[in-house]
Amino acid sequence: MIFAGKRVWQFFLLGNVSLAPGLWLKNIFVPMFGQADWQGRLMSFFMRLMNVIVRGALLMIWLTVVAAIFLVWPIVPLVVVYFLRRSLM
């Protein structure tokens, strides 16, 4: 079970590396494409803000899916044994 918990954490970190909302948040005030005027900074800020919100939500959904799989995984063998015994009777 401890090994499975470590794998869940590794899957969560893999999702974090893939989505990287922290990286977008770190660079939220850096202008994109070298646009240093106020319009470019404003556009970059809101674009990155939306990226942080969407990627953060996707990361939470990913965490929920991984946690659900972790919780269901030990139940699967019991269900298989139950249906096997039921079909043999």
N, C-alpha and C. Protein backbone atom coordinates (compact mmCIF):
# COMPACT_ATOMS: atom_id res chain seq x y z
N MET A 1 0.82 -1.19 0.00
CA MET A 1 0.00 0.00 0.00
C MET A 1 0.87 1.26 0.00
N ILE A 2 2.01 1.17 0.70
CA ILE A 2 2.92 2.32 0.72
C ILE A 2 3.49 2.55 -0.67
N PHE A 3 3.82 1.46 -1.37
CA PHE A 3 4.33 1.58 -2.74
C PHE A 3 3.29 2.25 -3.63
N ALA A 4 2.03 1.86 -3.47
CA ALA A 4 0.96 2.45 -4.27
C ALA A 4 0.81 3.94 -3.94
N GLY A 5 0.96 4.29 -2.67
CA GLY A 5 0.89 5.70 -2.29
C GLY A 5 2.00 6.52 -2.93
N LYS A 6 3.19 5.92 -3.01
CA LYS A 6 4.31 6.61 -3.67
C LYS A 6 4.03 6.79 -5.15
N ARG A 7 3.42 5.77 -5.76
CA ARG A 7 3.08 5.87 -7.19
C ARG A 7 2.04 6.95 -7.44
N VAL A 8 1.06 7.06 -6.53
CA VAL A 8 0.05 8.12 -6.66
C VAL A 8 0.74 9.48 -6.63
N TRP A 9 1.66 9.65 -5.69
CA TRP A 9 2.38 10.92 -5.58
C TRP A 9 3.20 11.18 -6.84
N GLN A 10 3.82 10.13 -7.41
CA GLN A 10 4.59 10.29 -8.64
C GLN A 10 3.69 10.67 -9.81
N PHE A 11 2.50 10.07 -9.88
CA PHE A 11 1.56 10.44 -10.94
C PHE A 11 1.10 11.89 -10.78
N PHE A 12 0.87 12.32 -9.55
CA PHE A 12 0.50 13.72 -9.31
C PHE A 12 1.63 14.65 -9.74
N LEU A 13 2.86 14.30 -9.39
CA LEU A 13 4.00 15.14 -9.78
C LEU A 13 4.18 15.16 -11.30
N LEU A 14 3.89 14.04 -11.95
CA LEU A 14 3.95 13.99 -13.41
C LEU A 14 2.93 14.96 -14.02
N GLY A 15 1.73 14.99 -13.45
CA GLY A 15 0.72 15.95 -13.90
C GLY A 15 1.15 17.38 -13.64
N ASN A 16 1.81 17.61 -12.51
CA ASN A 16 2.29 18.95 -12.18
C ASN A 16 3.38 19.38 -13.14
N VAL A 17 4.27 18.47 -13.51
CA VAL A 17 5.32 18.80 -14.47
C VAL A 17 4.70 19.09 -15.84
N SER A 18 3.70 18.32 -16.20
CA SER A 18 3.07 18.48 -17.51
C SER A 18 2.27 19.78 -17.60
N LEU A 19 1.52 20.10 -16.56
CA LEU A 19 0.66 21.30 -16.60
C LEU A 19 1.38 22.55 -16.12
N ALA A 20 2.24 22.43 -15.12
CA ALA A 20 3.10 23.49 -14.59
C ALA A 20 2.38 24.80 -14.29
N PRO A 21 1.32 24.79 -13.45
CA PRO A 21 0.67 26.06 -13.12
C PRO A 21 1.58 26.98 -12.30
N GLY A 22 2.48 26.42 -11.52
CA GLY A 22 3.40 27.24 -10.73
C GLY A 22 4.36 28.04 -11.59
N LEU A 23 4.79 27.46 -12.69
CA LEU A 23 5.67 28.17 -13.61
C LEU A 23 4.95 29.35 -14.25
N TRP A 24 3.70 29.16 -14.63
CA TRP A 24 2.92 30.26 -15.19
C TRP A 24 2.69 31.35 -14.15
N LEU A 25 2.46 30.94 -12.91
CA LEU A 25 2.25 31.90 -11.83
C LEU A 25 3.53 32.67 -11.53
N LYS A 26 4.66 31.99 -11.61
CA LYS A 26 5.94 32.65 -11.34
C LYS A 26 6.22 33.76 -12.36
N ASN A 27 5.81 33.55 -13.59
CA ASN A 27 6.09 34.50 -14.67
C ASN A 27 4.87 35.35 -15.03
N ILE A 28 3.94 35.52 -14.11
CA ILE A 28 2.68 36.19 -14.44
C ILE A 28 2.88 37.66 -14.85
N PHE A 29 3.90 38.33 -14.32
CA PHE A 29 4.11 39.74 -14.64
C PHE A 29 5.17 39.96 -15.71
N VAL A 30 5.71 38.90 -16.27
CA VAL A 30 6.70 39.02 -17.34
C VAL A 30 5.95 39.17 -18.66
N PRO A 31 6.26 40.21 -19.44
CA PRO A 31 5.54 40.39 -20.70
C PRO A 31 5.88 39.29 -21.71
N MET A 32 4.87 38.85 -22.44
CA MET A 32 5.05 37.82 -23.45
C MET A 32 5.52 38.45 -24.76
N PHE A 33 6.31 37.71 -25.52
CA PHE A 33 6.76 38.10 -26.85
C PHE A 33 7.52 39.43 -26.85
N GLY A 34 8.09 39.84 -25.72
CA GLY A 34 8.86 41.07 -25.67
C GLY A 34 8.01 42.33 -25.77
N GLN A 35 6.71 42.22 -25.58
CA GLN A 35 5.82 43.38 -25.64
C GLN A 35 5.87 44.10 -24.29
N ALA A 36 6.68 45.14 -24.19
CA ALA A 36 6.88 45.83 -22.92
C ALA A 36 5.94 47.01 -22.73
N ASP A 37 5.12 47.33 -23.72
CA ASP A 37 4.17 48.44 -23.54
C ASP A 37 3.02 47.99 -22.65
N TRP A 38 2.18 48.93 -22.24
CA TRP A 38 1.13 48.60 -21.26
C TRP A 38 0.09 47.64 -21.84
N GLN A 39 -0.19 47.73 -23.15
CA GLN A 39 -1.15 46.81 -23.75
C GLN A 39 -0.61 45.37 -23.74
N GLY A 40 0.67 45.24 -24.07
CA GLY A 40 1.28 43.91 -24.07
C GLY A 40 1.35 43.32 -22.68
N ARG A 41 1.67 44.15 -21.69
CA ARG A 41 1.73 43.67 -20.31
C ARG A 41 0.35 43.27 -19.81
N LEU A 42 -0.66 44.07 -20.15
CA LEU A 42 -2.03 43.76 -19.72
C LEU A 42 -2.51 42.46 -20.36
N MET A 43 -2.26 42.33 -21.64
CA MET A 43 -2.66 41.11 -22.36
C MET A 43 -1.93 39.88 -21.80
N SER A 44 -0.63 40.03 -21.54
CA SER A 44 0.15 38.92 -20.99
C SER A 44 -0.34 38.53 -19.61
N PHE A 45 -0.67 39.52 -18.78
CA PHE A 45 -1.14 39.24 -17.43
C PHE A 45 -2.42 38.42 -17.46
N PHE A 46 -3.41 38.86 -18.24
CA PHE A 46 -4.68 38.15 -18.26
C PHE A 46 -4.56 36.78 -18.95
N MET A 47 -3.72 36.69 -19.95
CA MET A 47 -3.51 35.40 -20.61
C MET A 47 -2.89 34.40 -19.63
N ARG A 48 -1.90 34.85 -18.89
CA ARG A 48 -1.25 33.95 -17.93
C ARG A 48 -2.16 33.67 -16.74
N LEU A 49 -2.97 34.64 -16.34
CA LEU A 49 -3.92 34.40 -15.26
C LEU A 49 -4.91 33.30 -15.64
N MET A 50 -5.42 33.36 -16.86
CA MET A 50 -6.34 32.32 -17.32
C MET A 50 -5.63 30.96 -17.39
N ASN A 51 -4.38 30.97 -17.84
CA ASN A 51 -3.60 29.73 -17.89
C ASN A 51 -3.43 29.13 -16.51
N VAL A 52 -3.14 29.97 -15.51
CA VAL A 52 -2.96 29.48 -14.14
C VAL A 52 -4.27 28.89 -13.63
N ILE A 53 -5.38 29.56 -13.86
CA ILE A 53 -6.68 29.08 -13.38
C ILE A 53 -7.04 27.75 -14.04
N VAL A 54 -6.94 27.68 -15.35
CA VAL A 54 -7.33 26.46 -16.07
C VAL A 54 -6.38 25.31 -15.74
N ARG A 55 -5.09 25.58 -15.75
CA ARG A 55 -4.13 24.51 -15.46
C ARG A 55 -4.22 24.05 -14.01
N GLY A 56 -4.50 24.97 -13.09
CA GLY A 56 -4.70 24.58 -11.69
C GLY A 56 -5.93 23.70 -11.52
N ALA A 57 -7.02 24.06 -12.22
CA ALA A 57 -8.23 23.24 -12.16
C ALA A 57 -7.98 21.86 -12.76
N LEU A 58 -7.27 21.81 -13.88
CA LEU A 58 -6.95 20.52 -14.49
C LEU A 58 -6.07 19.67 -13.58
N LEU A 59 -5.16 20.32 -12.86
CA LEU A 59 -4.31 19.59 -11.92
C LEU A 59 -5.14 19.02 -10.77
N MET A 60 -6.13 19.76 -10.30
CA MET A 60 -7.00 19.25 -9.23
C MET A 60 -7.85 18.09 -9.73
N ILE A 61 -8.32 18.17 -10.97
CA ILE A 61 -9.08 17.06 -11.57
C ILE A 61 -8.17 15.84 -11.69
N TRP A 62 -6.93 16.04 -12.13
CA TRP A 62 -5.97 14.94 -12.23
C TRP A 62 -5.73 14.31 -10.87
N LEU A 63 -5.58 15.13 -9.83
CA LEU A 63 -5.37 14.60 -8.48
C LEU A 63 -6.58 13.78 -8.03
N THR A 64 -7.79 14.23 -8.35
CA THR A 64 -9.00 13.51 -7.98
C THR A 64 -9.06 12.15 -8.68
N VAL A 65 -8.72 12.12 -9.96
CA VAL A 65 -8.73 10.86 -10.72
C VAL A 65 -7.70 9.89 -10.16
N VAL A 66 -6.50 10.37 -9.90
CA VAL A 66 -5.45 9.50 -9.37
C VAL A 66 -5.82 8.99 -7.98
N ALA A 67 -6.39 9.84 -7.14
CA ALA A 67 -6.80 9.42 -5.80
C ALA A 67 -7.94 8.40 -5.88
N ALA A 68 -8.87 8.59 -6.82
CA ALA A 68 -9.97 7.64 -6.97
C ALA A 68 -9.45 6.27 -7.41
N ILE A 69 -8.51 6.26 -8.33
CA ILE A 69 -7.91 5.00 -8.76
C ILE A 69 -7.19 4.33 -7.59
N PHE A 70 -6.50 5.12 -6.78
CA PHE A 70 -5.80 4.59 -5.61
C PHE A 70 -6.77 3.96 -4.62
N LEU A 71 -7.94 4.57 -4.44
CA LEU A 71 -8.91 4.04 -3.49
C LEU A 71 -9.66 2.83 -4.04
N VAL A 72 -9.87 2.76 -5.34
CA VAL A 72 -10.61 1.66 -5.95
C VAL A 72 -9.71 0.43 -6.18
N TRP A 73 -8.43 0.65 -6.35
CA TRP A 73 -7.50 -0.43 -6.68
C TRP A 73 -7.56 -1.63 -5.72
N PRO A 74 -7.59 -1.45 -4.39
CA PRO A 74 -7.66 -2.62 -3.50
C PRO A 74 -9.00 -3.34 -3.56
N ILE A 75 -10.04 -2.69 -4.01
CA ILE A 75 -11.37 -3.29 -4.05
C ILE A 75 -11.54 -4.21 -5.26
N VAL A 76 -10.81 -3.96 -6.32
CA VAL A 76 -10.97 -4.72 -7.57
C VAL A 76 -10.75 -6.23 -7.37
N PRO A 77 -9.71 -6.69 -6.69
CA PRO A 77 -9.56 -8.14 -6.50
C PRO A 77 -10.72 -8.76 -5.72
N LEU A 78 -11.25 -8.04 -4.74
CA LEU A 78 -12.39 -8.56 -3.98
C LEU A 78 -13.62 -8.72 -4.87
N VAL A 79 -13.83 -7.77 -5.75
CA VAL A 79 -14.98 -7.84 -6.67
C VAL A 79 -14.80 -9.00 -7.64
N VAL A 80 -13.59 -9.20 -8.13
CA VAL A 80 -13.32 -10.31 -9.04
C VAL A 80 -13.57 -11.64 -8.36
N VAL A 81 -13.08 -11.80 -7.15
CA VAL A 81 -13.30 -13.04 -6.40
C VAL A 81 -14.78 -13.25 -6.14
N TYR A 82 -15.49 -12.21 -5.78
CA TYR A 82 -16.93 -12.31 -5.52
C TYR A 82 -17.67 -12.81 -6.76
N PHE A 83 -17.41 -12.20 -7.91
CA PHE A 83 -18.12 -12.60 -9.11
C PHE A 83 -17.67 -13.98 -9.61
N LEU A 84 -16.43 -14.34 -9.37
CA LEU A 84 -15.96 -15.67 -9.72
C LEU A 84 -16.69 -16.73 -8.90
N ARG A 85 -16.77 -16.52 -7.61
CA ARG A 85 -17.48 -17.47 -6.73
C ARG A 85 -18.96 -17.52 -7.09
N ARG A 86 -19.52 -16.38 -7.41
CA ARG A 86 -20.94 -16.32 -7.75
C ARG A 86 -21.22 -17.07 -9.05
N SER A 87 -20.32 -16.96 -10.02
CA SER A 87 -20.55 -17.63 -11.31
C SER A 87 -20.33 -19.15 -11.21
N LEU A 88 -19.50 -19.58 -10.27
CA LEU A 88 -19.25 -21.02 -10.11
C LEU A 88 -20.35 -21.73 -9.34
N MET A 89 -21.17 -21.01 -8.64
CA MET A 89 -22.24 -21.64 -7.85
C MET A 89 -23.50 -21.80 -8.64
